[in-house]
């Protein structure tokens, strides 16, 4: 499958079987995140693997969007390690880096025939307390992962994409 075919076929899985994700699959997913590019190669991503019954049981208090997945990855960035665009405006690069890492892992999940949903809808205060997230880490994404249920389907909005001309301009925005 080509990259564009993989990107088009991937969808947010919101219904999983109870089957666990193998350790080998988890390691491949984490490796995809490790290989992701980050600003100035600072690699500020810090990933919490949530896969024990006890840890997974805390998710419903932090988000309604856990979909009973057997695995979740909380992708954070270390504010003390991330690149800041200090020469110009001080923009924090950690959130961007964590998003790139999440995307790499999400596509690796799809490439292996597993399913995932990128969850941003979580309570950051509750997730920090539940999983003892240090103050130096900022939570960006929760990637819930598992084997798609046989009846898992993409949302009705999945195939809706704006035409390229609505989202891409060449050389400046005045044209």
N, C-alpha and C. Protein backbone atom coordinates (compact mmCIF):
# COMPACT_ATOMS: atom_id res chain seq x y z
N UNK A 1 0.85 -1.18 0.00
CA UNK A 1 0.00 0.00 0.00
C UNK A 1 0.90 1.24 0.00
N UNK A 2 0.59 2.19 -0.86
CA UNK A 2 1.36 3.43 -0.88
C UNK A 2 1.01 4.29 0.33
N UNK A 3 1.82 5.30 0.58
CA UNK A 3 1.56 6.18 1.72
C UNK A 3 0.20 6.85 1.58
N UNK A 4 -0.12 7.38 0.40
CA UNK A 4 -1.41 8.05 0.22
C UNK A 4 -2.57 7.08 0.39
N UNK A 5 -2.40 5.85 -0.02
CA UNK A 5 -3.46 4.85 0.19
C UNK A 5 -3.64 4.57 1.68
N UNK A 6 -2.53 4.46 2.41
CA UNK A 6 -2.59 4.26 3.85
C UNK A 6 -3.27 5.44 4.53
N UNK A 7 -2.88 6.66 4.15
CA UNK A 7 -3.46 7.86 4.75
C UNK A 7 -4.96 7.94 4.47
N UNK A 8 -5.38 7.55 3.29
CA UNK A 8 -6.80 7.60 2.94
C UNK A 8 -7.59 6.50 3.63
N UNK A 9 -6.99 5.33 3.82
CA UNK A 9 -7.69 4.19 4.42
C UNK A 9 -7.81 4.32 5.94
N UNK A 10 -6.87 4.97 6.58
CA UNK A 10 -6.87 5.10 8.03
C UNK A 10 -8.07 5.91 8.48
N UNK A 11 -8.70 5.48 9.55
CA UNK A 11 -9.78 6.27 10.14
C UNK A 11 -9.72 6.13 11.64
N UNK A 12 -10.38 7.04 12.32
CA UNK A 12 -10.42 7.02 13.78
C UNK A 12 -11.32 5.87 14.24
N UNK A 13 -10.71 4.88 14.87
CA UNK A 13 -11.44 3.71 15.34
C UNK A 13 -11.98 4.02 16.72
N UNK A 14 -13.28 3.86 16.86
CA UNK A 14 -13.95 4.16 18.12
C UNK A 14 -14.61 2.93 18.75
N UNK A 15 -14.25 1.77 18.21
CA UNK A 15 -14.79 0.52 18.76
C UNK A 15 -13.72 -0.56 18.57
N UNK A 16 -13.31 -1.14 19.70
CA UNK A 16 -12.21 -2.10 19.69
C UNK A 16 -12.66 -3.45 20.25
N UNK A 17 -11.93 -4.49 19.87
CA UNK A 17 -12.10 -5.78 20.53
C UNK A 17 -11.33 -5.70 21.86
N UNK A 18 -11.57 -6.60 22.78
CA UNK A 18 -10.83 -6.58 24.04
C UNK A 18 -9.41 -7.17 23.92
N UNK A 19 -9.05 -7.68 22.75
CA UNK A 19 -7.74 -8.31 22.57
C UNK A 19 -6.61 -7.32 22.81
N UNK A 20 -5.60 -7.73 23.59
CA UNK A 20 -4.49 -6.82 23.85
C UNK A 20 -3.63 -6.60 22.61
N UNK A 21 -2.93 -5.48 22.59
CA UNK A 21 -1.94 -5.19 21.55
C UNK A 21 -0.65 -5.88 21.99
N UNK A 22 -0.03 -6.60 21.10
CA UNK A 22 1.17 -7.36 21.46
C UNK A 22 2.32 -6.42 21.82
N UNK A 23 3.23 -6.93 22.62
CA UNK A 23 4.42 -6.15 22.98
C UNK A 23 5.23 -5.79 21.74
N UNK A 24 5.31 -6.72 20.79
CA UNK A 24 6.04 -6.46 19.55
C UNK A 24 5.40 -5.29 18.79
N UNK A 25 4.08 -5.28 18.69
CA UNK A 25 3.38 -4.19 18.01
C UNK A 25 3.60 -2.88 18.75
N UNK A 26 3.51 -2.91 20.07
CA UNK A 26 3.74 -1.71 20.87
C UNK A 26 5.14 -1.16 20.62
N UNK A 27 6.12 -2.01 20.59
CA UNK A 27 7.50 -1.55 20.36
C UNK A 27 7.65 -0.92 18.97
N UNK A 28 6.98 -1.47 17.97
CA UNK A 28 7.03 -0.89 16.62
C UNK A 28 6.36 0.49 16.60
N UNK A 29 5.26 0.61 17.31
CA UNK A 29 4.57 1.90 17.38
C UNK A 29 5.45 2.94 18.07
N UNK A 30 6.06 2.56 19.18
CA UNK A 30 6.94 3.48 19.91
C UNK A 30 8.17 3.84 19.09
N UNK A 31 8.69 2.89 18.32
CA UNK A 31 9.84 3.17 17.46
C UNK A 31 9.47 4.18 16.38
N UNK A 32 8.27 4.07 15.83
CA UNK A 32 7.82 5.05 14.83
C UNK A 32 7.81 6.45 15.44
N UNK A 33 7.39 6.56 16.69
CA UNK A 33 7.42 7.85 17.37
C UNK A 33 8.83 8.33 17.62
N UNK A 34 9.72 7.41 17.97
CA UNK A 34 11.12 7.78 18.23
C UNK A 34 11.79 8.31 16.97
N UNK A 35 11.40 7.80 15.82
CA UNK A 35 12.00 8.21 14.55
C UNK A 35 11.42 9.51 14.00
N UNK A 36 10.37 10.02 14.60
CA UNK A 36 9.74 11.24 14.10
C UNK A 36 10.68 12.43 14.21
N UNK A 37 10.62 13.33 13.25
CA UNK A 37 11.45 14.53 13.35
C UNK A 37 10.93 15.49 14.42
N UNK A 38 11.85 16.16 15.08
CA UNK A 38 11.50 17.18 16.06
C UNK A 38 12.39 18.40 15.82
N UNK A 39 11.93 19.55 16.27
CA UNK A 39 12.68 20.79 16.06
C UNK A 39 14.07 20.68 16.67
N UNK A 40 15.06 20.96 15.87
CA UNK A 40 16.47 20.95 16.25
C UNK A 40 16.85 19.59 16.86
N UNK A 41 16.06 18.57 16.56
CA UNK A 41 16.27 17.22 17.06
C UNK A 41 16.36 17.16 18.59
N UNK A 42 15.62 18.03 19.25
CA UNK A 42 15.63 18.05 20.72
C UNK A 42 14.90 16.86 21.32
N UNK A 43 14.00 16.24 20.55
CA UNK A 43 13.28 15.05 20.99
C UNK A 43 12.65 15.22 22.38
N UNK A 44 11.78 16.24 22.54
CA UNK A 44 11.19 16.50 23.85
C UNK A 44 10.01 15.60 24.19
N UNK A 45 9.63 14.70 23.27
CA UNK A 45 8.47 13.85 23.53
C UNK A 45 8.73 12.91 24.70
N UNK A 46 7.71 12.77 25.50
CA UNK A 46 7.71 11.82 26.61
C UNK A 46 6.38 11.09 26.52
N UNK A 47 6.44 9.78 26.44
CA UNK A 47 5.24 8.99 26.16
C UNK A 47 4.96 8.06 27.33
N UNK A 48 3.75 8.13 27.84
CA UNK A 48 3.31 7.24 28.90
C UNK A 48 2.49 6.13 28.27
N UNK A 49 2.92 4.88 28.46
CA UNK A 49 2.18 3.72 27.98
C UNK A 49 1.17 3.34 29.05
N UNK A 50 -0.09 3.35 28.67
CA UNK A 50 -1.19 3.01 29.58
C UNK A 50 -1.79 1.70 29.07
N UNK A 51 -1.43 0.59 29.73
CA UNK A 51 -1.92 -0.71 29.25
C UNK A 51 -2.25 -1.70 30.36
N UNK A 52 -2.02 -1.35 31.59
CA UNK A 52 -2.44 -2.25 32.67
C UNK A 52 -3.91 -2.00 32.98
N UNK A 53 -4.56 -3.00 33.53
CA UNK A 53 -5.98 -2.85 33.87
C UNK A 53 -6.18 -1.69 34.84
N UNK A 54 -5.28 -1.56 35.80
CA UNK A 54 -5.37 -0.49 36.79
C UNK A 54 -5.23 0.89 36.14
N UNK A 55 -4.26 1.03 35.26
CA UNK A 55 -4.04 2.32 34.59
C UNK A 55 -5.18 2.65 33.62
N UNK A 56 -5.65 1.65 32.87
CA UNK A 56 -6.75 1.87 31.93
C UNK A 56 -8.04 2.26 32.66
N UNK A 57 -8.22 1.74 33.87
CA UNK A 57 -9.43 2.04 34.64
C UNK A 57 -9.51 3.51 35.04
N UNK A 58 -8.41 4.23 35.00
CA UNK A 58 -8.39 5.66 35.34
C UNK A 58 -8.85 6.54 34.17
N UNK A 59 -8.79 6.01 32.96
CA UNK A 59 -9.11 6.83 31.78
C UNK A 59 -10.53 7.39 31.77
N UNK A 60 -11.56 6.61 32.12
CA UNK A 60 -12.92 7.15 32.05
C UNK A 60 -13.14 8.41 32.89
N UNK A 61 -12.37 8.59 33.95
CA UNK A 61 -12.49 9.80 34.76
C UNK A 61 -11.82 10.99 34.08
N UNK A 62 -10.92 10.71 33.13
CA UNK A 62 -10.17 11.77 32.45
C UNK A 62 -10.76 12.15 31.09
N UNK A 63 -11.46 11.21 30.48
CA UNK A 63 -12.03 11.45 29.15
C UNK A 63 -13.15 10.46 28.86
N UNK A 64 -14.20 10.90 28.19
CA UNK A 64 -15.22 9.95 27.74
C UNK A 64 -14.79 9.25 26.45
N UNK A 65 -13.68 9.66 25.87
CA UNK A 65 -13.24 9.19 24.55
C UNK A 65 -12.13 8.15 24.63
N UNK A 66 -12.26 7.21 25.53
CA UNK A 66 -11.26 6.15 25.65
C UNK A 66 -11.66 4.93 24.84
N UNK A 67 -12.94 4.81 24.53
CA UNK A 67 -13.51 3.76 23.67
C UNK A 67 -13.13 2.35 24.13
N UNK A 68 -12.81 2.20 25.41
CA UNK A 68 -12.44 0.90 25.98
C UNK A 68 -11.30 0.23 25.23
N UNK A 69 -10.40 1.03 24.72
CA UNK A 69 -9.23 0.49 24.02
C UNK A 69 -8.32 -0.22 25.03
N UNK A 70 -7.65 -1.28 24.60
CA UNK A 70 -6.76 -2.00 25.51
C UNK A 70 -5.39 -1.35 25.70
N UNK A 71 -5.14 -0.28 24.96
CA UNK A 71 -3.87 0.42 25.03
C UNK A 71 -4.11 1.90 24.77
N UNK A 72 -3.44 2.74 25.52
CA UNK A 72 -3.46 4.18 25.27
C UNK A 72 -2.05 4.71 25.47
N UNK A 73 -1.68 5.64 24.64
CA UNK A 73 -0.40 6.33 24.78
C UNK A 73 -0.70 7.80 25.05
N UNK A 74 -0.16 8.31 26.14
CA UNK A 74 -0.29 9.73 26.44
C UNK A 74 0.99 10.39 25.95
N UNK A 75 0.85 11.23 24.95
CA UNK A 75 2.01 11.88 24.36
C UNK A 75 2.14 13.27 24.95
N UNK A 76 3.27 13.49 25.59
CA UNK A 76 3.58 14.76 26.25
C UNK A 76 4.87 15.32 25.65
N UNK A 77 5.20 16.53 26.04
CA UNK A 77 6.53 17.05 25.74
C UNK A 77 7.09 17.66 27.00
N UNK A 78 8.41 17.60 27.09
CA UNK A 78 9.13 18.16 28.23
C UNK A 78 9.41 19.63 27.93
N UNK A 79 8.82 20.51 28.71
CA UNK A 79 8.97 21.96 28.49
C UNK A 79 10.41 22.41 28.69
N UNK A 80 11.21 21.65 29.42
CA UNK A 80 12.61 22.04 29.63
C UNK A 80 13.51 21.55 28.51
N UNK A 81 12.99 20.67 27.64
CA UNK A 81 13.81 20.11 26.57
C UNK A 81 13.38 20.58 25.18
N UNK A 82 12.21 21.17 25.06
CA UNK A 82 11.68 21.53 23.75
C UNK A 82 12.34 22.80 23.20
N UNK A 83 12.33 22.88 21.88
CA UNK A 83 12.87 24.04 21.19
C UNK A 83 11.89 25.20 21.29
N UNK A 84 12.44 26.38 21.55
CA UNK A 84 11.65 27.62 21.54
C UNK A 84 12.22 28.51 20.43
N UNK A 85 11.34 29.10 19.66
CA UNK A 85 11.77 29.99 18.58
C UNK A 85 12.14 31.34 19.18
N UNK A 86 13.12 31.33 20.06
CA UNK A 86 13.46 32.51 20.86
C UNK A 86 14.06 33.64 20.03
N UNK A 87 14.67 33.33 18.95
CA UNK A 87 15.28 34.37 18.11
C UNK A 87 14.23 35.33 17.52
N UNK A 88 13.01 34.83 17.42
CA UNK A 88 11.96 35.63 16.81
C UNK A 88 10.82 35.94 17.78
N UNK A 89 9.99 34.95 18.10
CA UNK A 89 8.81 35.23 18.90
C UNK A 89 8.63 34.31 20.11
N UNK A 90 9.58 33.41 20.34
CA UNK A 90 9.51 32.53 21.51
C UNK A 90 8.52 31.40 21.40
N UNK A 91 7.99 31.17 20.21
CA UNK A 91 6.98 30.10 20.05
C UNK A 91 7.53 28.77 20.56
N UNK A 92 6.67 28.08 21.33
CA UNK A 92 7.00 26.77 21.90
C UNK A 92 6.85 25.70 20.82
N UNK A 93 7.89 24.92 20.60
CA UNK A 93 7.86 23.88 19.58
C UNK A 93 7.43 22.51 20.08
N UNK A 94 7.33 22.34 21.39
CA UNK A 94 7.03 21.02 21.95
C UNK A 94 5.70 20.45 21.53
N UNK A 95 4.68 21.28 21.44
CA UNK A 95 3.36 20.78 21.04
C UNK A 95 3.39 20.30 19.59
N UNK A 96 4.11 21.02 18.76
CA UNK A 96 4.25 20.61 17.36
C UNK A 96 5.01 19.29 17.28
N UNK A 97 6.12 19.20 18.01
CA UNK A 97 6.90 17.96 18.02
C UNK A 97 6.06 16.78 18.50
N UNK A 98 5.31 16.96 19.58
CA UNK A 98 4.47 15.88 20.10
C UNK A 98 3.41 15.48 19.08
N UNK A 99 2.90 16.44 18.32
CA UNK A 99 1.90 16.14 17.29
C UNK A 99 2.52 15.34 16.15
N UNK A 100 3.73 15.68 15.76
CA UNK A 100 4.41 14.91 14.71
C UNK A 100 4.65 13.48 15.19
N UNK A 101 5.11 13.33 16.42
CA UNK A 101 5.35 12.01 17.00
C UNK A 101 4.05 11.21 17.02
N UNK A 102 2.95 11.85 17.43
CA UNK A 102 1.65 11.18 17.49
C UNK A 102 1.22 10.72 16.10
N UNK A 103 1.41 11.57 15.11
CA UNK A 103 1.04 11.23 13.74
C UNK A 103 1.83 10.03 13.24
N UNK A 104 3.14 10.02 13.49
CA UNK A 104 3.95 8.88 13.07
C UNK A 104 3.44 7.58 13.71
N UNK A 105 3.14 7.64 14.99
CA UNK A 105 2.67 6.43 15.67
C UNK A 105 1.30 6.02 15.16
N UNK A 106 0.42 6.98 14.92
CA UNK A 106 -0.92 6.68 14.44
C UNK A 106 -0.86 6.00 13.07
N UNK A 107 0.03 6.47 12.21
CA UNK A 107 0.15 5.85 10.89
C UNK A 107 0.81 4.47 10.97
N UNK A 108 1.73 4.29 11.92
CA UNK A 108 2.30 2.95 12.12
C UNK A 108 1.22 1.98 12.58
N UNK A 109 0.35 2.44 13.46
CA UNK A 109 -0.77 1.61 13.92
C UNK A 109 -1.59 1.15 12.72
N UNK A 110 -1.94 2.08 11.84
CA UNK A 110 -2.75 1.74 10.67
C UNK A 110 -2.01 0.79 9.74
N UNK A 111 -0.71 0.99 9.58
CA UNK A 111 0.09 0.14 8.70
C UNK A 111 0.10 -1.30 9.19
N UNK A 112 -0.04 -1.51 10.50
CA UNK A 112 -0.03 -2.85 11.06
C UNK A 112 -1.42 -3.47 11.13
N UNK A 113 -2.44 -2.75 10.65
CA UNK A 113 -3.79 -3.28 10.66
C UNK A 113 -4.51 -3.11 11.99
N UNK A 114 -3.91 -2.33 12.88
CA UNK A 114 -4.57 -1.99 14.14
C UNK A 114 -5.35 -0.70 13.94
N UNK A 115 -6.05 -0.27 14.97
CA UNK A 115 -6.82 0.96 14.89
C UNK A 115 -6.43 1.91 16.01
N UNK A 116 -6.65 3.18 15.77
CA UNK A 116 -6.35 4.20 16.77
C UNK A 116 -7.25 5.40 16.58
N UNK A 117 -7.39 6.15 17.65
CA UNK A 117 -8.05 7.45 17.60
C UNK A 117 -7.19 8.42 18.38
N UNK A 118 -6.94 9.56 17.77
CA UNK A 118 -6.20 10.65 18.41
C UNK A 118 -7.22 11.41 19.24
N UNK A 119 -7.03 11.41 20.55
CA UNK A 119 -7.96 12.07 21.46
C UNK A 119 -7.29 13.32 22.03
N UNK A 120 -7.94 14.45 21.81
CA UNK A 120 -7.50 15.69 22.43
C UNK A 120 -8.47 16.07 23.55
N UNK A 121 -9.64 15.46 23.53
CA UNK A 121 -10.69 15.78 24.49
C UNK A 121 -10.50 15.05 25.80
N UNK A 122 -9.53 15.50 26.57
CA UNK A 122 -9.32 14.94 27.91
C UNK A 122 -9.09 16.09 28.88
N UNK A 123 -9.35 15.84 30.14
CA UNK A 123 -9.16 16.85 31.17
C UNK A 123 -7.68 16.82 31.59
N UNK A 124 -6.91 17.85 31.23
CA UNK A 124 -5.47 17.82 31.53
C UNK A 124 -5.15 17.82 33.03
N UNK A 125 -6.01 18.42 33.82
CA UNK A 125 -5.78 18.44 35.27
C UNK A 125 -5.99 17.04 35.84
N UNK A 126 -7.07 16.39 35.43
CA UNK A 126 -7.34 15.03 35.91
C UNK A 126 -6.31 14.03 35.42
N UNK A 127 -5.88 14.18 34.17
CA UNK A 127 -4.91 13.23 33.63
C UNK A 127 -3.56 13.40 34.32
N UNK A 128 -3.20 14.65 34.65
CA UNK A 128 -1.94 14.92 35.37
C UNK A 128 -1.98 14.25 36.74
N UNK A 129 -3.10 14.38 37.43
CA UNK A 129 -3.22 13.79 38.77
C UNK A 129 -3.28 12.26 38.70
N UNK A 130 -4.07 11.73 37.78
CA UNK A 130 -4.27 10.27 37.70
C UNK A 130 -2.98 9.53 37.38
N UNK A 131 -2.14 10.13 36.54
CA UNK A 131 -0.94 9.43 36.08
C UNK A 131 0.35 10.06 36.59
N UNK A 132 0.23 10.95 37.56
CA UNK A 132 1.41 11.57 38.21
C UNK A 132 2.35 12.21 37.18
N UNK A 133 1.77 13.04 36.30
CA UNK A 133 2.55 13.71 35.26
C UNK A 133 3.31 14.87 35.91
N UNK A 134 4.64 14.89 35.78
CA UNK A 134 5.42 15.99 36.37
C UNK A 134 5.04 17.34 35.75
N UNK A 135 5.23 18.40 36.49
CA UNK A 135 4.90 19.76 36.02
C UNK A 135 5.71 20.15 34.79
N UNK A 136 6.87 19.55 34.59
CA UNK A 136 7.70 19.88 33.42
C UNK A 136 7.15 19.28 32.13
N UNK A 137 6.17 18.38 32.25
CA UNK A 137 5.59 17.76 31.06
C UNK A 137 4.23 18.36 30.75
N UNK A 138 3.99 18.56 29.47
CA UNK A 138 2.71 19.07 28.99
C UNK A 138 2.05 17.97 28.14
N UNK A 139 0.84 17.56 28.50
CA UNK A 139 0.11 16.53 27.77
C UNK A 139 -0.51 17.14 26.52
N UNK A 140 -0.30 16.48 25.39
CA UNK A 140 -0.80 16.98 24.10
C UNK A 140 -1.87 16.08 23.51
N UNK A 141 -1.63 14.78 23.52
CA UNK A 141 -2.54 13.86 22.83
C UNK A 141 -2.63 12.54 23.58
N UNK A 142 -3.76 11.94 23.47
CA UNK A 142 -3.98 10.59 23.97
C UNK A 142 -4.31 9.75 22.75
N UNK A 143 -3.49 8.76 22.48
CA UNK A 143 -3.70 7.89 21.32
C UNK A 143 -4.21 6.56 21.84
N UNK A 144 -5.50 6.30 21.62
CA UNK A 144 -6.08 5.02 22.05
C UNK A 144 -5.94 4.03 20.90
N UNK A 145 -5.51 2.81 21.23
CA UNK A 145 -5.08 1.85 20.21
C UNK A 145 -5.62 0.47 20.54
N UNK A 146 -5.96 -0.26 19.50
CA UNK A 146 -6.37 -1.64 19.68
C UNK A 146 -6.73 -2.28 18.35
N UNK A 147 -7.29 -3.47 18.47
CA UNK A 147 -7.77 -4.18 17.29
C UNK A 147 -9.18 -3.68 17.00
N UNK A 148 -9.41 -3.17 15.79
CA UNK A 148 -10.75 -2.67 15.48
C UNK A 148 -11.80 -3.77 15.61
N UNK A 149 -12.93 -3.44 16.18
CA UNK A 149 -14.05 -4.37 16.24
C UNK A 149 -14.51 -4.63 14.81
N UNK A 150 -15.07 -5.81 14.56
CA UNK A 150 -15.52 -6.12 13.20
C UNK A 150 -16.48 -5.10 12.62
N UNK A 151 -17.28 -4.45 13.47
CA UNK A 151 -18.23 -3.47 12.97
C UNK A 151 -17.76 -2.02 13.14
N UNK A 152 -16.46 -1.83 13.40
CA UNK A 152 -15.92 -0.46 13.50
C UNK A 152 -15.99 0.21 12.13
N UNK A 153 -16.48 1.43 12.14
CA UNK A 153 -16.67 2.17 10.89
C UNK A 153 -16.13 3.59 11.05
N UNK A 154 -15.68 4.19 9.95
CA UNK A 154 -15.30 5.60 10.03
C UNK A 154 -16.53 6.47 10.30
N UNK A 155 -16.29 7.64 10.87
CA UNK A 155 -17.40 8.57 11.08
C UNK A 155 -17.94 9.02 9.73
N UNK A 156 -19.14 9.56 9.74
CA UNK A 156 -19.73 10.05 8.49
C UNK A 156 -18.92 11.18 7.87
N UNK A 157 -18.17 11.90 8.68
CA UNK A 157 -17.37 13.02 8.18
C UNK A 157 -16.01 12.60 7.64
N UNK A 158 -15.64 11.33 7.82
CA UNK A 158 -14.29 10.88 7.48
C UNK A 158 -13.86 11.24 6.05
N UNK A 159 -14.69 11.00 5.09
CA UNK A 159 -14.32 11.23 3.70
C UNK A 159 -14.48 12.66 3.22
N UNK A 160 -15.00 13.52 4.08
CA UNK A 160 -15.22 14.90 3.66
C UNK A 160 -13.91 15.69 3.75
N UNK A 161 -13.43 16.11 2.62
CA UNK A 161 -12.21 16.89 2.56
C UNK A 161 -12.44 18.10 1.65
N UNK A 162 -11.94 19.23 2.09
CA UNK A 162 -12.01 20.42 1.26
C UNK A 162 -11.14 20.22 0.03
N UNK A 163 -11.49 20.85 -1.08
CA UNK A 163 -10.62 20.78 -2.26
C UNK A 163 -9.29 21.47 -1.94
N UNK A 164 -8.23 21.00 -2.58
CA UNK A 164 -6.90 21.59 -2.35
C UNK A 164 -6.90 23.10 -2.52
N UNK A 165 -7.61 23.60 -3.50
CA UNK A 165 -7.60 25.05 -3.75
C UNK A 165 -8.19 25.85 -2.59
N UNK A 166 -8.97 25.20 -1.72
CA UNK A 166 -9.50 25.88 -0.54
C UNK A 166 -8.50 25.92 0.61
N UNK A 167 -7.50 25.08 0.56
CA UNK A 167 -6.56 25.00 1.68
C UNK A 167 -5.11 25.31 1.31
N UNK A 168 -4.83 25.43 0.01
CA UNK A 168 -3.45 25.65 -0.43
C UNK A 168 -3.41 26.88 -1.33
N UNK A 169 -2.45 27.75 -1.06
CA UNK A 169 -2.21 28.91 -1.91
C UNK A 169 -0.75 28.87 -2.32
N UNK A 170 -0.44 29.45 -3.45
CA UNK A 170 0.93 29.48 -3.94
C UNK A 170 1.50 30.88 -3.87
N UNK A 171 2.62 31.00 -3.22
CA UNK A 171 3.47 32.18 -3.14
C UNK A 171 2.99 33.28 -2.20
N UNK A 172 1.71 33.55 -2.08
CA UNK A 172 1.21 34.43 -1.03
C UNK A 172 -0.30 34.25 -0.90
N UNK A 173 -0.87 34.81 0.14
CA UNK A 173 -2.29 34.65 0.38
C UNK A 173 -3.14 35.72 -0.29
N UNK A 174 -2.53 36.64 -0.99
CA UNK A 174 -3.29 37.72 -1.62
C UNK A 174 -4.03 37.25 -2.86
N UNK A 175 -3.56 36.16 -3.48
CA UNK A 175 -4.12 35.74 -4.76
C UNK A 175 -5.34 34.90 -4.71
